[in-house]
């Protein structure tokens, strides 16, 4: 039979596990229902409407288009594309995420202002 002290330790361990959960570095909520472009490890690129994501950067994209690469040079994209539809992208292979509708320029935080 567990003592009340053991029960407190177990509840504290549960609390610590919840605190250890890290939040995602990126806040992708502002890109939900918007078209984004994603680059993956290995050189693949795709774009689609962001339908969902999780803290591990697993992405759900709809109306996804993959940009095909040149057979001779695997890092060079061609004009060819193929439609994939609804896809789930594994977060461990995501290298870059950027919006398709343009980007906003921000001030460089590492340059000192005179």
PDB file of N, CA and C in Angstrom:
ATOM      1  N   UNK A   1       0.847  -1.178   0.000  1.00  0.00           N
ATOM      2  CA  UNK A   1       0.000   0.000   0.000  1.00  0.00           C
ATOM      3  C   UNK A   1       0.891   1.240   0.000  1.00  0.00           C
ATOM      4  N   UNK A   2       0.559   2.200  -0.854  1.00  0.00           N
ATOM      5  CA  UNK A   2       1.375   3.402  -0.975  1.00  0.00           C
ATOM      6  C   UNK A   2       0.977   4.412   0.086  1.00  0.00           C
ATOM      7  N   UNK A   3       1.969   5.053   0.644  1.00  0.00           N
ATOM      8  CA  UNK A   3       1.696   6.079   1.650  1.00  0.00           C
ATOM      9  C   UNK A   3       1.301   7.377   0.959  1.00  0.00           C
ATOM     10  N   UNK A   4       0.775   8.309   1.721  1.00  0.00           N
ATOM     11  CA  UNK A   4       0.365   9.587   1.141  1.00  0.00           C
ATOM     12  C   UNK A   4       1.577  10.354   0.617  1.00  0.00           C
ATOM     13  N   UNK A   5       2.759  10.133   1.214  1.00  0.00           N
ATOM     14  CA  UNK A   5       3.984  10.782   0.717  1.00  0.00           C
ATOM     15  C   UNK A   5       4.338  10.301  -0.674  1.00  0.00           C
ATOM     16  N   UNK A   6       4.143   8.984  -0.940  1.00  0.00           N
ATOM     17  CA  UNK A   6       4.402   8.439  -2.270  1.00  0.00           C
ATOM     18  C   UNK A   6       3.434   9.015  -3.297  1.00  0.00           C
ATOM     19  N   UNK A   7       2.175   9.192  -2.889  1.00  0.00           N
ATOM     20  CA  UNK A   7       1.182   9.747  -3.809  1.00  0.00           C
ATOM     21  C   UNK A   7       1.554  11.175  -4.189  1.00  0.00           C
ATOM     22  N   UNK A   8       2.055  11.963  -3.228  1.00  0.00           N
ATOM     23  CA  UNK A   8       2.475  13.332  -3.531  1.00  0.00           C
ATOM     24  C   UNK A   8       3.631  13.340  -4.509  1.00  0.00           C
ATOM     25  N   UNK A   9       4.587  12.419  -4.308  1.00  0.00           N
ATOM     26  CA  UNK A   9       5.728  12.350  -5.226  1.00  0.00           C
ATOM     27  C   UNK A   9       5.270  12.024  -6.637  1.00  0.00           C
ATOM     28  N   UNK A  10       4.327  11.086  -6.767  1.00  0.00           N
ATOM     29  CA  UNK A  10       3.825  10.726  -8.090  1.00  0.00           C
ATOM     30  C   UNK A  10       3.106  11.891  -8.744  1.00  0.00           C
ATOM     31  N   UNK A  11       2.316  12.630  -7.981  1.00  0.00           N
ATOM     32  CA  UNK A  11       1.617  13.772  -8.561  1.00  0.00           C
ATOM     33  C   UNK A  11       2.605  14.873  -8.934  1.00  0.00           C
ATOM     34  N   UNK A  12       3.672  15.041  -8.153  1.00  0.00           N
ATOM     35  CA  UNK A  12       4.695  16.032  -8.488  1.00  0.00           C
ATOM     36  C   UNK A  12       5.438  15.629  -9.751  1.00  0.00           C
ATOM     37  N   UNK A  13       5.736  14.326  -9.911  1.00  0.00           N
ATOM     38  CA  UNK A  13       6.396  13.867 -11.131  1.00  0.00           C
ATOM     39  C   UNK A  13       5.528  14.119 -12.352  1.00  0.00           C
ATOM     40  N   UNK A  14       4.234  13.915 -12.208  1.00  0.00           N
ATOM     41  CA  UNK A  14       3.308  14.198 -13.305  1.00  0.00           C
ATOM     42  C   UNK A  14       3.304  15.666 -13.664  1.00  0.00           C
ATOM     43  N   UNK A  15       3.351  16.530 -12.646  1.00  0.00           N
ATOM     44  CA  UNK A  15       3.398  17.970 -12.887  1.00  0.00           C
ATOM     45  C   UNK A  15       4.682  18.365 -13.601  1.00  0.00           C
ATOM     46  N   UNK A  16       5.798  17.747 -13.202  1.00  0.00           N
ATOM     47  CA  UNK A  16       7.073  18.063 -13.838  1.00  0.00           C
ATOM     48  C   UNK A  16       7.074  17.641 -15.301  1.00  0.00           C
ATOM     49  N   UNK A  17       6.453  16.501 -15.614  1.00  0.00           N
ATOM     50  CA  UNK A  17       6.384  16.061 -17.002  1.00  0.00           C
ATOM     51  C   UNK A  17       5.595  17.051 -17.830  1.00  0.00           C
ATOM     52  N   UNK A  18       4.520  17.586 -17.266  1.00  0.00           N
ATOM     53  CA  UNK A  18       3.737  18.571 -17.988  1.00  0.00           C
ATOM     54  C   UNK A  18       4.530  19.850 -18.198  1.00  0.00           C
ATOM     55  N   UNK A  19       5.342  20.238 -17.221  1.00  0.00           N
ATOM     56  CA  UNK A  19       6.151  21.452 -17.350  1.00  0.00           C
ATOM     57  C   UNK A  19       7.273  21.253 -18.353  1.00  0.00           C
ATOM     58  N   UNK A  20       7.782  20.010 -18.496  1.00  0.00           N
ATOM     59  CA  UNK A  20       8.880  19.741 -19.413  1.00  0.00           C
ATOM     60  C   UNK A  20       8.464  19.834 -20.872  1.00  0.00           C
ATOM     61  N   UNK A  21       7.163  19.705 -21.141  1.00  0.00           N
ATOM     62  CA  UNK A  21       6.705  19.815 -22.516  1.00  0.00           C
ATOM     63  C   UNK A  21       7.105  21.169 -23.066  1.00  0.00           C
ATOM     64  N   UNK A  22       7.808  21.123 -24.173  1.00  0.00           N
ATOM     65  CA  UNK A  22       8.256  22.372 -24.769  1.00  0.00           C
ATOM     66  C   UNK A  22       7.249  22.850 -25.794  1.00  0.00           C
ATOM     67  N   UNK A  23       7.110  24.139 -25.854  1.00  0.00           N
ATOM     68  CA  UNK A  23       6.258  24.718 -26.875  1.00  0.00           C
ATOM     69  C   UNK A  23       7.062  24.805 -28.155  1.00  0.00           C
ATOM     70  N   UNK A  24       6.371  24.840 -29.258  1.00  0.00           N
ATOM     71  CA  UNK A  24       7.025  24.951 -30.547  1.00  0.00           C
ATOM     72  C   UNK A  24       7.733  26.294 -30.654  1.00  0.00           C
ATOM     73  N   UNK A  25       8.858  26.296 -31.320  1.00  0.00           N
ATOM     74  CA  UNK A  25       9.611  27.532 -31.527  1.00  0.00           C
ATOM     75  C   UNK A  25       8.815  28.477 -32.424  1.00  0.00           C
ATOM     76  N   UNK A  26       8.124  27.897 -33.395  1.00  0.00           N
ATOM     77  CA  UNK A  26       7.363  28.690 -34.357  1.00  0.00           C
ATOM     78  C   UNK A  26       5.900  28.786 -33.953  1.00  0.00           C
ATOM     79  N   UNK A  27       5.329  29.935 -34.170  1.00  0.00           N
ATOM     80  CA  UNK A  27       3.892  30.095 -33.975  1.00  0.00           C
ATOM     81  C   UNK A  27       3.247  30.053 -35.353  1.00  0.00           C
ATOM     82  N   UNK A  28       2.789  28.884 -35.743  1.00  0.00           N
ATOM     83  CA  UNK A  28       2.215  28.711 -37.073  1.00  0.00           C
ATOM     84  C   UNK A  28       0.728  29.038 -37.124  1.00  0.00           C
ATOM     85  N   UNK A  29       0.146  29.442 -35.993  1.00  0.00           N
ATOM     86  CA  UNK A  29      -1.293  29.702 -35.971  1.00  0.00           C
ATOM     87  C   UNK A  29      -1.685  30.823 -36.942  1.00  0.00           C
ATOM     88  N   UNK A  30      -0.790  31.766 -37.170  1.00  0.00           N
ATOM     89  CA  UNK A  30      -1.120  32.861 -38.090  1.00  0.00           C
ATOM     90  C   UNK A  30      -1.099  32.423 -39.555  1.00  0.00           C
ATOM     91  N   UNK A  31      -0.585  31.212 -39.815  1.00  0.00           N
ATOM     92  CA  UNK A  31      -0.536  30.702 -41.183  1.00  0.00           C
ATOM     93  C   UNK A  31      -1.608  29.647 -41.455  1.00  0.00           C
ATOM     94  N   UNK A  32      -2.447  29.343 -40.453  1.00  0.00           N
ATOM     95  CA  UNK A  32      -3.532  28.392 -40.677  1.00  0.00           C
ATOM     96  C   UNK A  32      -4.458  28.909 -41.777  1.00  0.00           C
ATOM     97  N   UNK A  33      -4.856  27.998 -42.651  1.00  0.00           N
ATOM     98  CA  UNK A  33      -5.730  28.305 -43.792  1.00  0.00           C
ATOM     99  C   UNK A  33      -5.059  29.233 -44.814  1.00  0.00           C
ATOM    100  N   UNK A  34      -3.730  29.333 -44.764  1.00  0.00           N
ATOM    101  CA  UNK A  34      -2.978  30.105 -45.751  1.00  0.00           C
ATOM    102  C   UNK A  34      -1.977  29.178 -46.439  1.00  0.00           C
ATOM    103  N   UNK A  35      -1.579  29.563 -47.636  1.00  0.00           N
ATOM    104  CA  UNK A  35      -0.634  28.748 -48.401  1.00  0.00           C
ATOM    105  C   UNK A  35       0.787  28.995 -47.915  1.00  0.00           C
ATOM    106  N   UNK A  36       1.488  27.903 -47.625  1.00  0.00           N
ATOM    107  CA  UNK A  36       2.890  27.989 -47.209  1.00  0.00           C
ATOM    108  C   UNK A  36       3.729  27.103 -48.122  1.00  0.00           C
ATOM    109  N   UNK A  37       5.015  27.370 -48.148  1.00  0.00           N
ATOM    110  CA  UNK A  37       5.967  26.538 -48.886  1.00  0.00           C
ATOM    111  C   UNK A  37       6.878  25.880 -47.863  1.00  0.00           C
ATOM    112  N   UNK A  38       7.147  24.606 -48.057  1.00  0.00           N
ATOM    113  CA  UNK A  38       7.932  23.836 -47.103  1.00  0.00           C
ATOM    114  C   UNK A  38       9.086  23.170 -47.835  1.00  0.00           C
ATOM    115  N   UNK A  39      10.287  23.286 -47.261  1.00  0.00           N
ATOM    116  CA  UNK A  39      11.450  22.566 -47.780  1.00  0.00           C
ATOM    117  C   UNK A  39      11.778  21.463 -46.784  1.00  0.00           C
ATOM    118  N   UNK A  40      12.143  20.307 -47.326  1.00  0.00           N
ATOM    119  CA  UNK A  40      12.408  19.131 -46.509  1.00  0.00           C
ATOM    120  C   UNK A  40      13.868  18.718 -46.619  1.00  0.00           C
ATOM    121  N   UNK A  41      14.325  17.986 -45.612  1.00  0.00           N
ATOM    122  CA  UNK A  41      15.652  17.390 -45.663  1.00  0.00           C
ATOM    123  C   UNK A  41      15.679  16.464 -46.875  1.00  0.00           C
ATOM    124  N   UNK A  42      16.753  16.518 -47.641  1.00  0.00           N
ATOM    125  CA  UNK A  42      16.840  15.707 -48.850  1.00  0.00           C
ATOM    126  C   UNK A  42      16.523  16.501 -50.098  1.00  0.00           C
ATOM    127  N   UNK A  43      16.005  17.743 -49.930  1.00  0.00           N
ATOM    128  CA  UNK A  43      15.817  18.620 -51.077  1.00  0.00           C
ATOM    129  C   UNK A  43      14.414  18.752 -51.612  1.00  0.00           C
ATOM    130  N   UNK A  44      13.462  17.966 -51.159  1.00  0.00           N
ATOM    131  CA  UNK A  44      12.097  18.099 -51.677  1.00  0.00           C
ATOM    132  C   UNK A  44      11.474  19.417 -51.229  1.00  0.00           C
ATOM    133  N   UNK A  45      10.581  19.930 -52.072  1.00  0.00           N
ATOM    134  CA  UNK A  45       9.848  21.152 -51.749  1.00  0.00           C
ATOM    135  C   UNK A  45       8.389  20.959 -52.110  1.00  0.00           C
ATOM    136  N   UNK A  46       7.523  21.531 -51.302  1.00  0.00           N
ATOM    137  CA  UNK A  46       6.085  21.448 -51.553  1.00  0.00           C
ATOM    138  C   UNK A  46       5.412  22.705 -51.034  1.00  0.00           C
ATOM    139  N   UNK A  47       4.233  22.970 -51.549  1.00  0.00           N
ATOM    140  CA  UNK A  47       3.433  24.079 -51.029  1.00  0.00           C
ATOM    141  C   UNK A  47       1.995  23.601 -50.903  1.00  0.00           C
ATOM    142  N   UNK A  48       1.285  24.175 -49.943  1.00  0.00           N
ATOM    143  CA  UNK A  48      -0.104  23.821 -49.729  1.00  0.00           C
ATOM    144  C   UNK A  48      -0.723  24.673 -48.646  1.00  0.00           C
ATOM    145  N   UNK A  49      -2.005  24.488 -48.448  1.00  0.00           N
ATOM    146  CA  UNK A  49      -2.750  25.242 -47.440  1.00  0.00           C
ATOM    147  C   UNK A  49      -2.564  24.543 -46.101  1.00  0.00           C
ATOM    148  N   UNK A  50      -2.046  25.280 -45.118  1.00  0.00           N
ATOM    149  CA  UNK A  50      -1.814  24.717 -43.788  1.00  0.00           C
ATOM    150  C   UNK A  50      -3.143  24.505 -43.078  1.00  0.00           C
ATOM    151  N   UNK A  51      -3.439  23.230 -42.789  1.00  0.00           N
ATOM    152  CA  UNK A  51      -4.687  22.879 -42.106  1.00  0.00           C
ATOM    153  C   UNK A  51      -4.460  22.587 -40.632  1.00  0.00           C
ATOM    154  N   UNK A  52      -3.242  22.181 -40.256  1.00  0.00           N
ATOM    155  CA  UNK A  52      -2.968  21.865 -38.868  1.00  0.00           C
ATOM    156  C   UNK A  52      -1.495  21.592 -38.656  1.00  0.00           C
ATOM    157  N   UNK A  53      -1.090  21.591 -37.373  1.00  0.00           N
ATOM    158  CA  UNK A  53       0.304  21.356 -37.007  1.00  0.00           C
ATOM    159  C   UNK A  53       0.347  20.972 -35.538  1.00  0.00           C
ATOM    160  N   UNK A  54       1.501  20.513 -35.087  1.00  0.00           N
ATOM    161  CA  UNK A  54       1.687  20.214 -33.672  1.00  0.00           C
ATOM    162  C   UNK A  54       3.042  20.740 -33.226  1.00  0.00           C
ATOM    163  N   UNK A  55       3.391  20.633 -31.936  1.00  0.00           N
ATOM    164  CA  UNK A  55       4.664  21.194 -31.454  1.00  0.00           C
ATOM    165  C   UNK A  55       5.911  20.566 -32.089  1.00  0.00           C
ATOM    166  N   UNK A  56       5.775  19.379 -32.675  1.00  0.00           N
ATOM    167  CA  UNK A  56       6.925  18.740 -33.327  1.00  0.00           C
ATOM    168  C   UNK A  56       7.054  19.156 -34.788  1.00  0.00           C
ATOM    169  N   UNK A  57       6.240  20.106 -35.218  1.00  0.00           N
ATOM    170  CA  UNK A  57       6.188  20.624 -36.584  1.00  0.00           C
ATOM    171  C   UNK A  57       5.682  19.607 -37.592  1.00  0.00           C
ATOM    172  N   UNK A  58       4.949  18.588 -37.134  1.00  0.00           N
ATOM    173  CA  UNK A  58       4.213  17.763 -38.081  1.00  0.00           C
ATOM    174  C   UNK A  58       3.152  18.670 -38.689  1.00  0.00           C
ATOM    175  N   UNK A  59       3.045  18.660 -40.010  1.00  0.00           N
ATOM    176  CA  UNK A  59       2.148  19.579 -40.701  1.00  0.00           C
ATOM    177  C   UNK A  59       1.092  18.812 -41.477  1.00  0.00           C
ATOM    178  N   UNK A  60      -0.094  19.363 -41.550  1.00  0.00           N
ATOM    179  CA  UNK A  60      -1.141  18.848 -42.425  1.00  0.00           C
ATOM    180  C   UNK A  60      -1.369  19.916 -43.479  1.00  0.00           C
ATOM    181  N   UNK A  61      -1.127  19.545 -44.741  1.00  0.00           N
ATOM    182  CA  UNK A  61      -1.285  20.468 -45.860  1.00  0.00           C
ATOM    183  C   UNK A  61      -2.351  19.940 -46.807  1.00  0.00           C
ATOM    184  N   UNK A  62      -3.182  20.849 -47.305  1.00  0.00           N
ATOM    185  CA  UNK A  62      -4.202  20.481 -48.285  1.00  0.00           C
ATOM    186  C   UNK A  62      -3.871  21.160 -49.605  1.00  0.00           C
ATOM    187  N   UNK A  63      -4.396  20.607 -50.692  1.00  0.00           N
ATOM    188  CA  UNK A  63      -4.112  21.116 -52.050  1.00  0.00           C
ATOM    189  C   UNK A  63      -2.602  21.230 -52.267  1.00  0.00           C
ATOM    190  N   UNK A  64      -1.881  20.227 -51.843  1.00  0.00           N
ATOM    191  CA  UNK A  64      -0.417  20.263 -51.871  1.00  0.00           C
ATOM    192  C   UNK A  64       0.118  20.019 -53.274  1.00  0.00           C
ATOM    193  N   UNK A  65       1.129  20.805 -53.615  1.00  0.00           N
ATOM    194  CA  UNK A  65       1.835  20.665 -54.883  1.00  0.00           C
ATOM    195  C   UNK A  65       3.295  20.414 -54.571  1.00  0.00           C
ATOM    196  N   UNK A  66       3.864  19.361 -55.141  1.00  0.00           N
ATOM    197  CA  UNK A  66       5.295  19.085 -54.987  1.00  0.00           C
ATOM    198  C   UNK A  66       6.022  19.640 -56.200  1.00  0.00           C
ATOM    199  N   UNK A  67       7.138  20.304 -55.948  1.00  0.00           N
ATOM    200  CA  UNK A  67       7.966  20.842 -57.017  1.00  0.00           C
ATOM    201  C   UNK A  67       9.033  19.800 -57.324  1.00  0.00           C
ATOM    202  N   UNK A  68       9.002  19.287 -58.568  1.00  0.00           N
ATOM    203  CA  UNK A  68       9.892  18.193 -58.943  1.00  0.00           C
ATOM    204  C   UNK A  68      11.295  18.704 -59.235  1.00  0.00           C
ATOM    205  N   UNK A  69      12.257  17.835 -58.963  1.00  0.00           N
ATOM    206  CA  UNK A  69      13.664  18.192 -59.147  1.00  0.00           C
ATOM    207  C   UNK A  69      14.196  17.639 -60.456  1.00  0.00           C
ATOM    208  N   UNK A  70      15.287  18.220 -60.920  1.00  0.00           N
ATOM    209  CA  UNK A  70      15.972  17.782 -62.136  1.00  0.00           C
ATOM    210  C   UNK A  70      16.620  16.425 -61.870  1.00  0.00           C
ATOM    211  N   UNK A  71      16.490  15.507 -62.818  1.00  0.00           N
ATOM    212  CA  UNK A  71      17.061  14.165 -62.648  1.00  0.00           C
ATOM    213  C   UNK A  71      18.591  14.195 -62.616  1.00  0.00           C
ATOM    214  N   UNK A  72      19.197  15.142 -63.342  1.00  0.00           N
ATOM    215  CA  UNK A  72      20.659  15.241 -63.388  1.00  0.00           C
ATOM    216  C   UNK A  72      21.229  15.936 -62.156  1.00  0.00           C
ATOM    217  N   UNK A  73      20.535  16.954 -61.675  1.00  0.00           N
ATOM    218  CA  UNK A  73      20.987  17.715 -60.511  1.00  0.00           C
ATOM    219  C   UNK A  73      19.869  17.694 -59.459  1.00  0.00           C
ATOM    220  N   UNK A  74      19.975  16.834 -58.431  1.00  0.00           N
ATOM    221  CA  UNK A  74      18.870  16.688 -57.472  1.00  0.00           C
ATOM    222  C   UNK A  74      18.573  17.935 -56.640  1.00  0.00           C
ATOM    223  N   UNK A  75      19.439  18.930 -56.653  1.00  0.00           N
ATOM    224  CA  UNK A  75      19.180  20.153 -55.887  1.00  0.00           C
ATOM    225  C   UNK A  75      18.599  21.266 -56.746  1.00  0.00           C
ATOM    226  N   UNK A  76      18.413  20.998 -58.024  1.00  0.00           N
ATOM    227  CA  UNK A  76      17.853  21.999 -58.930  1.00  0.00           C
ATOM    228  C   UNK A  76      16.390  21.655 -59.211  1.00  0.00           C
ATOM    229  N   UNK A  77      15.508  22.615 -58.976  1.00  0.00           N
ATOM    230  CA  UNK A  77      14.088  22.413 -59.241  1.00  0.00           C
ATOM    231  C   UNK A  77      13.790  22.655 -60.711  1.00  0.00           C
ATOM    232  N   UNK A  78      12.823  21.915 -61.230  1.00  0.00           N
ATOM    233  CA  UNK A  78      12.370  22.134 -62.606  1.00  0.00           C
ATOM    234  C   UNK A  78      11.041  22.879 -62.559  1.00  0.00           C
ATOM    235  N   UNK A  79      10.479  23.133 -63.725  1.00  0.00           N
ATOM    236  CA  UNK A  79       9.172  23.788 -63.808  1.00  0.00           C
ATOM    237  C   UNK A  79       8.050  22.782 -63.568  1.00  0.00           C
ATOM    238  N   UNK A  80       8.382  21.487 -63.522  1.00  0.00           N
ATOM    239  CA  UNK A  80       7.374  20.442 -63.365  1.00  0.00           C
ATOM    240  C   UNK A  80       6.888  20.362 -61.923  1.00  0.00           C
ATOM    241  N   UNK A  81       5.602  20.098 -61.779  1.00  0.00           N
ATOM    242  CA  UNK A  81       5.005  19.909 -60.455  1.00  0.00           C
ATOM    243  C   UNK A  81       4.078  18.710 -60.516  1.00  0.00           C
ATOM    244  N   UNK A  82       3.690  18.223 -59.351  1.00  0.00           N
ATOM    245  CA  UNK A  82       2.649  17.197 -59.294  1.00  0.00           C
ATOM    246  C   UNK A  82       1.759  17.495 -58.099  1.00  0.00           C
ATOM    247  N   UNK A  83       0.474  17.243 -58.284  1.00  0.00           N
ATOM    248  CA  UNK A  83      -0.488  17.510 -57.222  1.00  0.00           C
ATOM    249  C   UNK A  83      -0.559  16.302 -56.294  1.00  0.00           C
ATOM    250  N   UNK A  84      -0.491  16.571 -54.989  1.00  0.00           N
ATOM    251  CA  UNK A  84      -0.529  15.512 -53.992  1.00  0.00           C
ATOM    252  C   UNK A  84      -1.824  15.502 -53.196  1.00  0.00           C
ATOM    253  N   UNK A  85      -2.510  16.628 -53.134  1.00  0.00           N
ATOM    254  CA  UNK A  85      -3.755  16.698 -52.361  1.00  0.00           C
ATOM    255  C   UNK A  85      -3.483  16.915 -50.881  1.00  0.00           C
ATOM    256  N   UNK A  86      -4.156  16.135 -50.029  1.00  0.00           N
ATOM    257  CA  UNK A  86      -4.014  16.253 -48.578  1.00  0.00           C
ATOM    258  C   UNK A  86      -2.849  15.390 -48.115  1.00  0.00           C
ATOM    259  N   UNK A  87      -1.874  15.992 -47.422  1.00  0.00           N
ATOM    260  CA  UNK A  87      -0.699  15.253 -46.966  1.00  0.00           C
ATOM    261  C   UNK A  87      -0.384  15.599 -45.510  1.00  0.00           C
ATOM    262  N   UNK A  88       0.308  14.667 -44.850  1.00  0.00           N
ATOM    263  CA  UNK A  88       0.853  14.899 -43.523  1.00  0.00           C
ATOM    264  C   UNK A  88       2.359  14.884 -43.660  1.00  0.00           C
ATOM    265  N   UNK A  89       3.010  15.967 -43.264  1.00  0.00           N
ATOM    266  CA  UNK A  89       4.462  16.101 -43.374  1.00  0.00           C
ATOM    267  C   UNK A  89       5.080  15.868 -42.007  1.00  0.00           C
ATOM    268  N   UNK A  90       6.035  14.971 -41.954  1.00  0.00           N
ATOM    269  CA  UNK A  90       6.682  14.661 -40.683  1.00  0.00           C
ATOM    270  C   UNK A  90       7.594  15.812 -40.269  1.00  0.00           C
ATOM    271  N   UNK A  91       7.455  16.265 -39.049  1.00  0.00           N
ATOM    272  CA  UNK A  91       8.175  17.442 -38.565  1.00  0.00           C
ATOM    273  C   UNK A  91       9.679  17.299 -38.523  1.00  0.00           C
ATOM    274  N   UNK A  92      10.187  16.070 -38.322  1.00  0.00           N
ATOM    275  CA  UNK A  92      11.639  15.883 -38.237  1.00  0.00           C
ATOM    276  C   UNK A  92      12.327  16.118 -39.574  1.00  0.00           C
ATOM    277  N   UNK A  93      11.583  16.064 -40.674  1.00  0.00           N
ATOM    278  CA  UNK A  93      12.190  16.293 -41.983  1.00  0.00           C
ATOM    279  C   UNK A  93      11.982  17.722 -42.496  1.00  0.00           C
ATOM    280  N   UNK A  94      11.212  18.529 -41.780  1.00  0.00           N
ATOM    281  CA  UNK A  94      10.967  19.918 -42.206  1.00  0.00           C
ATOM    282  C   UNK A  94      12.204  20.757 -41.919  1.00  0.00           C
ATOM    283  N   UNK A  95      12.685  21.434 -42.957  1.00  0.00           N
ATOM    284  CA  UNK A  95      13.861  22.290 -42.826  1.00  0.00           C
ATOM    285  C   UNK A  95      13.463  23.762 -42.826  1.00  0.00           C
ATOM    286  N   UNK A  96      12.489  24.133 -43.669  1.00  0.00           N
ATOM    287  CA  UNK A  96      12.124  25.533 -43.829  1.00  0.00           C
ATOM    288  C   UNK A  96      10.634  25.655 -44.094  1.00  0.00           C
ATOM    289  N   UNK A  97      10.021  26.660 -43.487  1.00  0.00           N
ATOM    290  CA  UNK A  97       8.612  26.968 -43.733  1.00  0.00           C
ATOM    291  C   UNK A  97       8.531  28.462 -44.038  1.00  0.00           C
ATOM    292  N   UNK A  98       7.897  28.799 -45.161  1.00  0.00           N
ATOM    293  CA  UNK A  98       7.733  30.229 -45.467  1.00  0.00           C
ATOM    294  C   UNK A  98       6.371  30.456 -46.104  1.00  0.00           C
ATOM    295  N   UNK A  99       5.804  31.635 -45.889  1.00  0.00           N
ATOM    296  CA  UNK A  99       4.489  31.946 -46.477  1.00  0.00           C
ATOM    297  C   UNK A  99       4.630  32.193 -47.974  1.00  0.00           C
ATOM    298  N   UNK A 100       3.605  31.844 -48.728  1.00  0.00           N
ATOM    299  CA  UNK A 100       3.629  32.058 -50.178  1.00  0.00           C
ATOM    300  C   UNK A 100       3.134  33.459 -50.545  1.00  0.00           C
ATOM    301  N   UNK A 101       2.391  34.105 -49.656  1.00  0.00           N
ATOM    302  CA  UNK A 101       1.797  35.391 -49.996  1.00  0.00           C
ATOM    303  C   UNK A 101       2.714  36.569 -49.697  1.00  0.00           C
ATOM    304  N   UNK A 102       3.975  36.320 -49.506  1.00  0.00           N
ATOM    305  CA  UNK A 102       4.918  37.404 -49.262  1.00  0.00           C
ATOM    306  C   UNK A 102       5.394  37.430 -47.833  1.00  0.00           C
ATOM    307  N   UNK A 103       6.451  38.150 -47.623  1.00  0.00           N
ATOM    308  CA  UNK A 103       7.030  38.243 -46.298  1.00  0.00           C
ATOM    309  C   UNK A 103       7.160  39.702 -45.906  1.00  0.00           C
ATOM    310  N   UNK A 104       7.263  39.902 -44.633  1.00  0.00           N
ATOM    311  CA  UNK A 104       7.386  41.246 -44.099  1.00  0.00           C
ATOM    312  C   UNK A 104       8.832  41.466 -43.647  1.00  0.00           C
ATOM    313  N   UNK A 105       9.406  42.574 -44.026  1.00  0.00           N
ATOM    314  CA  UNK A 105      10.769  42.889 -43.629  1.00  0.00           C
ATOM    315  C   UNK A 105      10.783  43.397 -42.193  1.00  0.00           C
ATOM    316  N   UNK A 106      11.721  42.902 -41.397  1.00  0.00           N
ATOM    317  CA  UNK A 106      11.856  43.370 -40.025  1.00  0.00           C
ATOM    318  C   UNK A 106      13.233  43.960 -39.820  1.00  0.00           C
ATOM    319  N   UNK A 107      13.367  44.734 -38.786  1.00  0.00           N
ATOM    320  CA  UNK A 107      14.639  45.357 -38.465  1.00  0.00           C
ATOM    321  C   UNK A 107      15.593  44.297 -37.916  1.00  0.00           C
ATOM    322  N   UNK A 108      16.842  44.351 -38.341  1.00  0.00           N
ATOM    323  CA  UNK A 108      17.868  43.396 -37.870  1.00  0.00           C
ATOM    324  C   UNK A 108      18.162  43.668 -36.402  1.00  0.00           C
ATOM    325  N   UNK A 109      17.923  42.705 -35.503  1.00  0.00           N
ATOM    326  CA  UNK A 109      18.141  42.929 -34.080  1.00  0.00           C
ATOM    327  C   UNK A 109      19.623  42.910 -33.689  1.00  0.00           C
ATOM    328  N   UNK A 110      20.495  42.496 -34.600  1.00  0.00           N
ATOM    329  CA  UNK A 110      21.907  42.376 -34.274  1.00  0.00           C
ATOM    330  C   UNK A 110      22.733  43.575 -34.717  1.00  0.00           C
ATOM    331  N   UNK A 111      22.108  44.527 -35.369  1.00  0.00           N
ATOM    332  CA  UNK A 111      22.800  45.738 -35.813  1.00  0.00           C
ATOM    333  C   UNK A 111      22.466  46.846 -34.828  1.00  0.00           C
ATOM    334  N   UNK A 112      23.487  47.535 -34.337  1.00  0.00           N
ATOM    335  CA  UNK A 112      23.256  48.648 -33.405  1.00  0.00           C
ATOM    336  C   UNK A 112      22.860  49.887 -34.187  1.00  0.00           C
ATOM    337  N   UNK A 113      21.900  50.601 -33.638  1.00  0.00           N
ATOM    338  CA  UNK A 113      21.434  51.844 -34.260  1.00  0.00           C
ATOM    339  C   UNK A 113      22.267  53.003 -33.737  1.00  0.00           C
ATOM    340  N   UNK A 114      22.634  53.894 -34.628  1.00  0.00           N
ATOM    341  CA  UNK A 114      23.411  55.092 -34.232  1.00  0.00           C
ATOM    342  C   UNK A 114      22.510  56.254 -33.931  1.00  0.00           C
TER     343      UNK A 114
END
